């Protein structure tokens, strides 16, 4: 047996010692609980205050945007709708370019292809190949968005224009299309103009597991390879490919047995020669830019000016194809500049109307003292009319 006196002196076996340890643990636990509760309370109070301050800030911003100070940048931004109406109203005063406007006719599209066929014969080219784009639209009146509403696809649509001998001894265009078999009905539904001698579109259709370029090479459009020809005779047909045609299409045509010839100036310039209808559209675009210029006010953004121009064109039935508005030199962030009195504005706009297309580029400044007051008065008048419910 041990010494009871020594056992009583052992602190681990002292009864009061255990009670004191439990008391200290309970006290420490209470302190920790109080600290945690205090932290949670502080976080909750901070969240409530932050939410209240954020709501107050939003209400302040809404109030400021809804009631901007006259002449400030926010005021100019707040009257964007009025500026659009001002531009539309100004544009309506000069819509003479629409006088006598008529949709493009099939004979004109066929004449364009025949002109291309004559140049191809002179250049020694067997066929001109193009994907949907500006040139495709010029010769077939089908835009890229008509065929690719959601963007270009991996399965291409190709238009093939070949020079052929006409009945009167002249050169005429023979047009065919290369399309997936699943898209043939959709292609026929586009009502692409064709000569009266052709009962339907000439379509080279290909199955999903076929090579579309090899299918074109083996089609009746091109002469087959003559096995009796000498090995040094290049029997590959010569193609000229438009700039809108993607590189993988050009590579596929080359691999299928075609030769490639660069686009020559004589072929490139054909779609660029403006006829009277396209010139009238160019005049309309110029009038639209002038109308927007007359209603621009300092404080507007590039995106706001772009919306103004888009609304102005739409008011006359013009469909924008390219639309860019830049203030000053702003290549790194072309959608964030704010218009100033001394800003230089660059506008590049192209539009389509009744099958015709045109585009212009204009650069100007709005810092003209003799026009500043009338411009601000026009915008203020429209804004005031809108506020009165007119």
Protein backbone atom coordinates (compact mmCIF):
# COMPACT_ATOMS: atom_id res chain seq x y z
CA UNK A 1 0.00 0.00 0.00
CA UNK A 2 1.13 3.54 -0.64
CA UNK A 3 1.51 6.31 1.79
CA UNK A 4 -1.91 7.97 2.22
CA UNK A 5 -0.30 11.28 3.06
CA UNK A 6 1.65 11.22 -0.16
CA UNK A 7 -1.46 10.18 -2.10
CA UNK A 8 -3.38 13.13 -0.66
CA UNK A 9 -0.55 15.42 -1.75
CA UNK A 10 -0.75 14.14 -5.37
CA UNK A 11 -2.46 16.98 -7.33
CA UNK A 12 -4.03 14.57 -9.84
CA UNK A 13 -5.93 12.86 -7.05
CA UNK A 14 -7.00 16.00 -5.18
CA UNK A 15 -10.83 16.25 -5.38
CA UNK A 16 -10.84 20.05 -5.35
CA UNK A 17 -8.33 20.12 -8.18
CA UNK A 18 -10.77 18.40 -10.59
CA UNK A 19 -13.51 20.84 -9.69
CA UNK A 20 -11.20 23.78 -10.31
CA UNK A 21 -10.20 22.35 -13.72
CA UNK A 22 -13.84 21.91 -14.69
CA UNK A 23 -14.58 25.46 -13.62
CA UNK A 24 -11.71 26.80 -15.71
CA UNK A 25 -12.85 24.77 -18.74
CA UNK A 26 -16.40 26.00 -18.33
CA UNK A 27 -15.19 29.61 -18.05
CA UNK A 28 -12.98 29.26 -21.14
CA UNK A 29 -15.87 27.73 -23.08
CA UNK A 30 -18.11 30.59 -22.08
CA UNK A 31 -15.52 33.12 -23.24
CA UNK A 32 -15.16 31.34 -26.62
CA UNK A 33 -18.92 31.21 -27.03
CA UNK A 34 -19.21 34.90 -26.23
CA UNK A 35 -16.44 35.78 -28.69
CA UNK A 36 -18.05 33.69 -31.46
CA UNK A 37 -21.44 35.23 -30.79
CA UNK A 38 -19.89 38.68 -30.90
CA UNK A 39 -18.21 37.94 -34.23
CA UNK A 40 -21.44 36.60 -35.72
CA UNK A 41 -23.30 39.66 -34.46
CA UNK A 42 -20.67 41.95 -35.97
CA UNK A 43 -20.86 40.15 -39.32
CA UNK A 44 -24.65 40.39 -39.31
CA UNK A 45 -24.61 44.10 -38.50
CA UNK A 46 -21.98 44.70 -41.20
CA UNK A 47 -24.08 42.83 -43.78
CA UNK A 48 -27.18 44.84 -42.91
CA UNK A 49 -25.26 48.12 -43.15
CA UNK A 50 -23.61 47.12 -46.44
CA UNK A 51 -26.95 46.12 -47.96
CA UNK A 52 -28.53 49.37 -46.85
CA UNK A 53 -25.65 51.43 -48.20
CA UNK A 54 -25.73 49.56 -51.52
CA UNK A 55 -29.44 50.15 -51.90
CA UNK A 56 -28.98 53.79 -51.09
CA UNK A 57 -26.22 54.05 -53.68
CA UNK A 58 -28.37 52.38 -56.33
CA UNK A 59 -31.26 54.69 -55.53
CA UNK A 60 -28.88 57.62 -55.79
CA UNK A 61 -27.57 56.41 -59.15
CA UNK A 62 -31.07 55.85 -60.46
CA UNK A 63 -32.08 59.27 -59.29
CA UNK A 64 -29.04 60.85 -60.95
CA UNK A 65 -29.55 58.95 -64.19
CA UNK A 66 -33.24 59.73 -64.23
CA UNK A 67 -32.68 63.43 -63.53
CA UNK A 68 -29.22 64.35 -64.86
CA UNK A 69 -27.90 67.83 -64.62
CA UNK A 70 -28.32 69.77 -67.86
CA UNK A 71 -25.19 69.91 -69.99
CA UNK A 72 -23.42 67.10 -68.12
CA UNK A 73 -22.12 63.84 -69.63
CA UNK A 74 -24.89 61.94 -67.83
CA UNK A 75 -27.41 64.30 -69.36
CA UNK A 76 -26.10 63.52 -72.83
CA UNK A 77 -26.34 59.80 -72.07
CA UNK A 78 -29.84 60.20 -70.69
CA UNK A 79 -31.16 61.72 -73.92
CA UNK A 80 -29.89 58.92 -76.15
CA UNK A 81 -33.43 58.03 -77.19
CA UNK A 82 -34.09 61.65 -78.00
CA UNK A 83 -30.89 61.81 -80.06
CA UNK A 84 -32.00 58.72 -82.01
CA UNK A 85 -35.37 60.34 -82.73
CA UNK A 86 -33.60 63.53 -83.74
CA UNK A 87 -31.42 61.61 -86.24
CA UNK A 88 -34.38 59.68 -87.64
CA UNK A 89 -36.39 62.87 -88.07
CA UNK A 90 -33.46 64.62 -89.75
CA UNK A 91 -32.89 61.66 -92.07
CA UNK A 92 -36.55 61.59 -93.11
CA UNK A 93 -36.16 65.11 -94.53
CA UNK A 94 -33.69 63.82 -97.16
CA UNK A 95 -34.91 60.41 -98.33
CA UNK A 96 -34.81 61.23 -102.03
CA UNK A 97 -32.48 58.28 -102.64
CA UNK A 98 -35.53 56.03 -102.22
CA UNK A 99 -37.33 57.67 -105.14
CA UNK A 100 -37.89 55.11 -107.86
CA UNK A 101 -36.22 52.36 -105.85
CA UNK A 102 -37.05 48.88 -107.09
CA UNK A 103 -35.87 45.41 -106.20
CA UNK A 104 -33.00 43.96 -108.17
CA UNK A 105 -34.17 41.93 -111.17
CA UNK A 106 -33.06 38.47 -112.25
CA UNK A 107 -31.81 39.74 -115.61
CA UNK A 108 -29.34 42.02 -113.88
CA UNK A 109 -27.91 39.16 -111.81
CA UNK A 110 -27.56 37.01 -114.93
CA UNK A 111 -25.85 39.89 -116.73
CA UNK A 112 -23.34 40.12 -113.88
CA UNK A 113 -22.49 36.44 -114.21
CA UNK A 114 -22.14 36.72 -117.97
CA UNK A 115 -19.73 39.61 -117.54
CA UNK A 116 -17.70 37.46 -115.14
CA UNK A 117 -17.74 34.56 -117.61
CA UNK A 118 -16.24 36.76 -120.33
CA UNK A 119 -13.40 37.79 -118.03
CA UNK A 120 -12.79 34.17 -116.98
CA UNK A 121 -12.49 33.11 -120.62
CA UNK A 122 -9.99 35.90 -121.25
CA UNK A 123 -8.01 34.90 -118.15
CA UNK A 124 -7.90 31.22 -119.13
CA UNK A 125 -9.83 30.14 -116.03
CA UNK A 126 -12.16 27.13 -116.08
CA UNK A 127 -14.37 28.18 -113.16
CA UNK A 128 -14.88 30.77 -110.45
CA UNK A 129 -15.68 29.36 -106.99
CA UNK A 130 -17.10 31.37 -104.08
CA UNK A 131 -18.72 30.74 -100.70
CA UNK A 132 -21.61 32.85 -99.34
CA UNK A 133 -20.43 36.40 -98.73
CA UNK A 134 -20.38 39.76 -100.49
CA UNK A 135 -19.38 38.34 -103.89
CA UNK A 136 -21.85 35.44 -103.62
CA UNK A 137 -24.59 37.97 -102.90
CA UNK A 138 -23.50 40.12 -105.85
CA UNK A 139 -23.98 37.27 -108.31
CA UNK A 140 -26.84 35.31 -106.70
CA UNK A 141 -28.62 37.78 -104.37
CA UNK A 142 -28.12 35.44 -101.40
CA UNK A 143 -26.31 36.90 -98.40
CA UNK A 144 -24.19 35.03 -95.90
CA UNK A 145 -26.85 35.34 -93.21
CA UNK A 146 -29.44 33.94 -95.64
CA UNK A 147 -27.50 30.68 -95.79
CA UNK A 148 -25.62 30.74 -92.48
CA UNK A 149 -28.05 32.42 -90.02
CA UNK A 150 -25.99 31.18 -87.05
CA UNK A 151 -22.55 31.62 -88.59
CA UNK A 152 -20.45 29.65 -91.10
CA UNK A 153 -20.65 25.87 -90.94
CA UNK A 154 -18.10 23.17 -91.67
CA UNK A 155 -20.19 21.88 -94.60
CA UNK A 156 -19.65 24.48 -97.31
CA UNK A 157 -21.98 25.77 -99.98
CA UNK A 158 -20.10 26.62 -103.18
CA UNK A 159 -21.23 28.52 -106.24
CA UNK A 160 -19.33 27.54 -109.40
CA UNK A 161 -19.50 29.92 -112.38
CA UNK A 162 -18.01 28.67 -115.66
CA UNK A 163 -17.64 30.36 -119.05
CA UNK A 164 -19.59 28.63 -121.81
CA UNK A 165 -20.38 29.28 -125.46
CA UNK A 166 -23.78 30.87 -126.00
CA UNK A 167 -26.18 30.22 -128.84
CA UNK A 168 -25.39 33.58 -130.43
CA UNK A 169 -21.66 32.95 -130.37
CA UNK A 170 -21.04 35.00 -127.23
CA UNK A 171 -19.81 33.92 -123.81
CA UNK A 172 -22.41 33.13 -121.16
CA UNK A 173 -22.16 31.94 -117.58
CA UNK A 174 -22.96 28.40 -116.58
CA UNK A 175 -23.75 28.33 -112.87
CA UNK A 176 -23.84 25.32 -110.55
CA UNK A 177 -23.88 24.84 -106.80
CA UNK A 178 -22.13 22.31 -104.57
CA UNK A 179 -24.22 21.57 -101.48
CA UNK A 180 -24.86 18.81 -98.93
CA UNK A 181 -27.70 16.52 -99.95
CA UNK A 182 -29.62 17.53 -96.82
CA UNK A 183 -29.54 21.21 -97.90
CA UNK A 184 -30.67 20.81 -101.52
CA UNK A 185 -34.32 21.64 -100.83
CA UNK A 186 -33.35 24.70 -98.82
CA UNK A 187 -31.09 25.84 -101.66
CA UNK A 188 -33.88 25.51 -104.22
CA UNK A 189 -36.24 27.45 -101.94
CA UNK A 190 -34.00 30.53 -102.19
CA UNK A 191 -35.24 31.16 -105.75
CA UNK A 192 -31.80 31.97 -107.13
CA UNK A 193 -32.18 33.44 -110.64
CA UNK A 194 -31.28 31.14 -113.54
CA UNK A 195 -31.56 31.41 -117.34
CA UNK A 196 -34.87 30.46 -118.91
CA UNK A 197 -33.10 27.64 -120.75
CA UNK A 198 -32.37 25.90 -117.45
CA UNK A 199 -35.43 24.22 -115.89
CA UNK A 200 -33.87 24.09 -112.43
CA UNK A 201 -30.70 24.86 -110.53
CA UNK A 202 -27.72 22.70 -111.38
CA UNK A 203 -26.73 21.24 -108.01
CA UNK A 204 -23.88 18.86 -107.26
CA UNK A 205 -25.08 17.16 -104.07
CA UNK A 206 -22.85 15.14 -101.79
CA UNK A 207 -23.51 12.69 -99.00
CA UNK A 208 -22.10 13.34 -95.51
CA UNK A 209 -19.47 10.61 -95.91
CA UNK A 210 -18.32 11.91 -99.32
CA UNK A 211 -15.56 14.39 -100.08
CA UNK A 212 -17.40 17.43 -101.53
CA UNK A 213 -14.35 18.63 -103.47
CA UNK A 214 -13.66 15.23 -105.03
CA UNK A 215 -17.38 15.01 -105.83
CA UNK A 216 -17.13 18.31 -107.70
CA UNK A 217 -14.03 17.15 -109.58
CA UNK A 218 -15.73 13.93 -110.71
CA UNK A 219 -18.96 15.70 -111.68
CA UNK A 220 -19.93 16.35 -115.33
CA UNK A 221 -18.94 19.99 -114.86
CA UNK A 222 -15.31 19.11 -115.54
CA UNK A 223 -13.70 16.78 -118.03
CA UNK A 224 -12.40 13.53 -116.57
CA UNK A 225 -8.73 12.75 -116.46
CA UNK A 226 -7.52 11.29 -119.75
CA UNK A 227 -5.40 8.22 -118.98
CA UNK A 228 -3.83 8.39 -122.47
CA UNK A 229 -2.49 11.90 -121.94
CA UNK A 230 1.20 12.24 -121.30
CA UNK A 231 2.40 12.26 -117.73
CA UNK A 232 3.78 15.75 -118.24
CA UNK A 233 0.37 17.12 -119.26
CA UNK A 234 -1.36 18.97 -116.44
CA UNK A 235 -5.04 18.10 -116.81
CA UNK A 236 -6.16 19.81 -113.63
CA UNK A 237 -8.90 22.41 -114.15
CA UNK A 238 -7.95 25.97 -113.25
CA UNK A 239 -10.08 27.61 -110.55
CA UNK A 240 -10.18 31.20 -109.39
CA UNK A 241 -11.35 31.47 -105.79
CA UNK A 242 -12.88 34.55 -104.20
CA UNK A 243 -11.54 36.12 -101.00
CA UNK A 244 -14.65 35.08 -99.05
CA UNK A 245 -13.80 31.41 -99.58
CA UNK A 246 -12.20 29.82 -96.52
CA UNK A 247 -8.70 28.39 -96.67
CA UNK A 248 -9.74 24.81 -95.88
CA UNK A 249 -12.06 24.91 -98.90
CA UNK A 250 -9.19 26.08 -101.12
CA UNK A 251 -6.97 23.31 -99.75
CA UNK A 252 -9.71 20.74 -100.34
CA UNK A 253 -10.11 21.82 -103.95
CA UNK A 254 -6.35 21.60 -104.50
CA UNK A 255 -6.18 18.11 -103.00
CA UNK A 256 -9.11 16.99 -105.18
CA UNK A 257 -7.22 17.75 -108.38
CA UNK A 258 -7.81 21.44 -109.14
CA UNK A 259 -5.26 24.13 -109.86
CA UNK A 260 -5.57 27.48 -108.15
CA UNK A 261 -5.12 30.91 -109.71
CA UNK A 262 -5.05 34.09 -107.69
CA UNK A 263 -7.87 36.57 -107.96
CA UNK A 264 -6.99 39.00 -110.75
CA UNK A 265 -7.81 42.73 -110.66
CA UNK A 266 -10.21 42.38 -113.60
CA UNK A 267 -12.31 39.84 -111.67
CA UNK A 268 -11.98 41.64 -108.34
CA UNK A 269 -13.22 44.94 -109.75
CA UNK A 270 -16.47 43.58 -111.19
CA UNK A 271 -18.46 43.64 -107.90
CA UNK A 272 -16.91 47.00 -107.04
CA UNK A 273 -18.34 48.82 -110.04
CA UNK A 274 -21.35 50.65 -108.67
CA UNK A 275 -24.50 50.91 -110.73
CA UNK A 276 -27.03 53.69 -110.29
CA UNK A 277 -29.07 51.83 -107.64
CA UNK A 278 -25.99 51.12 -105.53
CA UNK A 279 -24.90 54.73 -105.91
CA UNK A 280 -28.28 55.86 -104.59
CA UNK A 281 -27.81 53.63 -101.55
CA UNK A 282 -24.38 55.16 -101.00
CA UNK A 283 -26.04 58.56 -101.10
CA UNK A 284 -28.58 57.35 -98.55
CA UNK A 285 -25.79 56.13 -96.26
CA UNK A 286 -24.12 59.51 -96.55
CA UNK A 287 -27.39 61.23 -95.62
CA UNK A 288 -27.80 58.91 -92.63
CA UNK A 289 -24.31 59.75 -91.38
CA UNK A 290 -25.02 63.46 -91.75
CA UNK A 291 -28.29 63.04 -89.83
CA UNK A 292 -26.52 61.27 -86.98
CA UNK A 293 -23.75 63.86 -86.97
CA UNK A 294 -26.30 66.65 -86.63
CA UNK A 295 -27.72 65.04 -83.47
CA UNK A 296 -24.58 63.83 -81.70
CA UNK A 297 -24.01 65.47 -78.32
CA UNK A 298 -20.95 65.29 -76.05
CA UNK A 299 -21.15 62.54 -73.47
CA UNK A 300 -22.49 59.84 -75.78
CA UNK A 301 -20.57 56.59 -76.13
CA UNK A 302 -19.48 54.85 -79.30
CA UNK A 303 -22.09 52.17 -78.71
CA UNK A 304 -24.79 54.83 -78.33
CA UNK A 305 -23.76 56.49 -81.60
CA UNK A 306 -23.79 53.11 -83.28
CA UNK A 307 -27.34 52.49 -82.08
CA UNK A 308 -28.32 55.91 -83.40
CA UNK A 309 -26.99 55.06 -86.85
CA UNK A 310 -28.61 51.62 -86.80
CA UNK A 311 -32.01 53.12 -85.90
CA UNK A 312 -31.60 55.79 -88.57
CA UNK A 313 -30.90 53.23 -91.30
CA UNK A 314 -33.74 50.99 -90.15
CA UNK A 315 -36.19 53.88 -90.37
CA UNK A 316 -35.70 53.88 -94.17
CA UNK A 317 -35.71 50.10 -94.58
CA UNK A 318 -31.93 49.77 -94.98
CA UNK A 319 -30.36 46.61 -93.55
CA UNK A 320 -26.91 47.30 -92.03
CA UNK A 321 -24.16 44.88 -93.06
CA UNK A 322 -21.17 46.61 -91.52
CA UNK A 323 -21.45 49.27 -88.85
CA UNK A 324 -18.54 50.72 -86.90
CA UNK A 325 -18.31 54.03 -85.03
CA UNK A 326 -15.06 55.10 -83.33
CA UNK A 327 -14.22 58.23 -81.38
CA UNK A 328 -10.64 59.47 -81.65
CA UNK A 329 -7.92 56.79 -81.69
CA UNK A 330 -9.38 53.96 -79.66
CA UNK A 331 -8.12 50.69 -81.10
CA UNK A 332 -7.55 48.95 -77.76
CA UNK A 333 -11.10 49.48 -76.44
CA UNK A 334 -13.30 50.36 -79.43
CA UNK A 335 -16.57 50.42 -77.47
CA UNK A 336 -15.87 52.63 -74.52
CA UNK A 337 -14.87 56.11 -75.67
CA UNK A 338 -17.07 59.05 -74.78
CA UNK A 339 -17.70 61.82 -77.29
CA UNK A 340 -16.15 65.24 -76.56
CA UNK A 341 -16.58 68.55 -78.30
CA UNK A 342 -13.21 68.14 -80.03
CA UNK A 343 -13.50 64.41 -80.81
CA UNK A 344 -12.90 63.05 -84.29
CA UNK A 345 -15.56 60.54 -85.29
CA UNK A 346 -14.90 57.73 -87.78
CA UNK A 347 -17.89 55.92 -89.29
CA UNK A 348 -17.74 52.84 -91.50
CA UNK A 349 -21.15 51.64 -92.62
CA UNK A 350 -22.47 49.29 -95.26
CA UNK A 351 -26.11 48.49 -95.94
CA UNK A 352 -28.33 46.44 -98.20
CA UNK A 353 -31.60 47.52 -99.76
CA UNK A 354 -33.77 45.76 -102.34
CA UNK A 355 -30.91 43.43 -103.24
CA UNK A 356 -28.33 46.20 -103.71
CA UNK A 357 -25.41 46.84 -101.38
CA UNK A 358 -23.08 49.75 -100.80
CA UNK A 359 -20.71 51.06 -98.13
CA UNK A 360 -18.95 54.28 -97.19
CA UNK A 361 -16.37 55.57 -94.71
CA UNK A 362 -16.64 59.05 -93.21
CA UNK A 363 -14.54 60.98 -90.68
CA UNK A 364 -15.69 64.23 -89.10
CA UNK A 365 -15.74 66.41 -86.00
CA UNK A 366 -18.78 67.83 -84.22
CA UNK A 367 -16.88 70.83 -82.84
CA UNK A 368 -18.58 73.50 -84.93
CA UNK A 369 -19.73 76.55 -83.01
CA UNK A 370 -22.32 77.52 -85.62
CA UNK A 371 -24.02 74.12 -85.37
CA UNK A 372 -23.61 73.39 -81.68
CA UNK A 373 -26.59 75.41 -80.48
CA UNK A 374 -28.94 74.14 -83.20
CA UNK A 375 -27.86 70.53 -82.55
CA UNK A 376 -28.51 70.75 -78.82
CA UNK A 377 -31.79 72.54 -79.48
CA UNK A 378 -32.95 69.78 -81.83
CA UNK A 379 -32.17 67.07 -79.28
CA UNK A 380 -33.76 69.07 -76.47
CA UNK A 381 -36.88 69.62 -78.57
CA UNK A 382 -37.28 65.90 -79.21
CA UNK A 383 -36.61 65.10 -75.56
CA UNK A 384 -39.18 67.66 -74.49
CA UNK A 385 -41.75 66.28 -76.89
CA UNK A 386 -41.18 62.76 -75.60
CA UNK A 387 -41.59 64.00 -72.04
CA UNK A 388 -44.95 65.53 -72.96
CA UNK A 389 -46.09 62.26 -74.51
CA UNK A 390 -45.95 63.52 -78.11
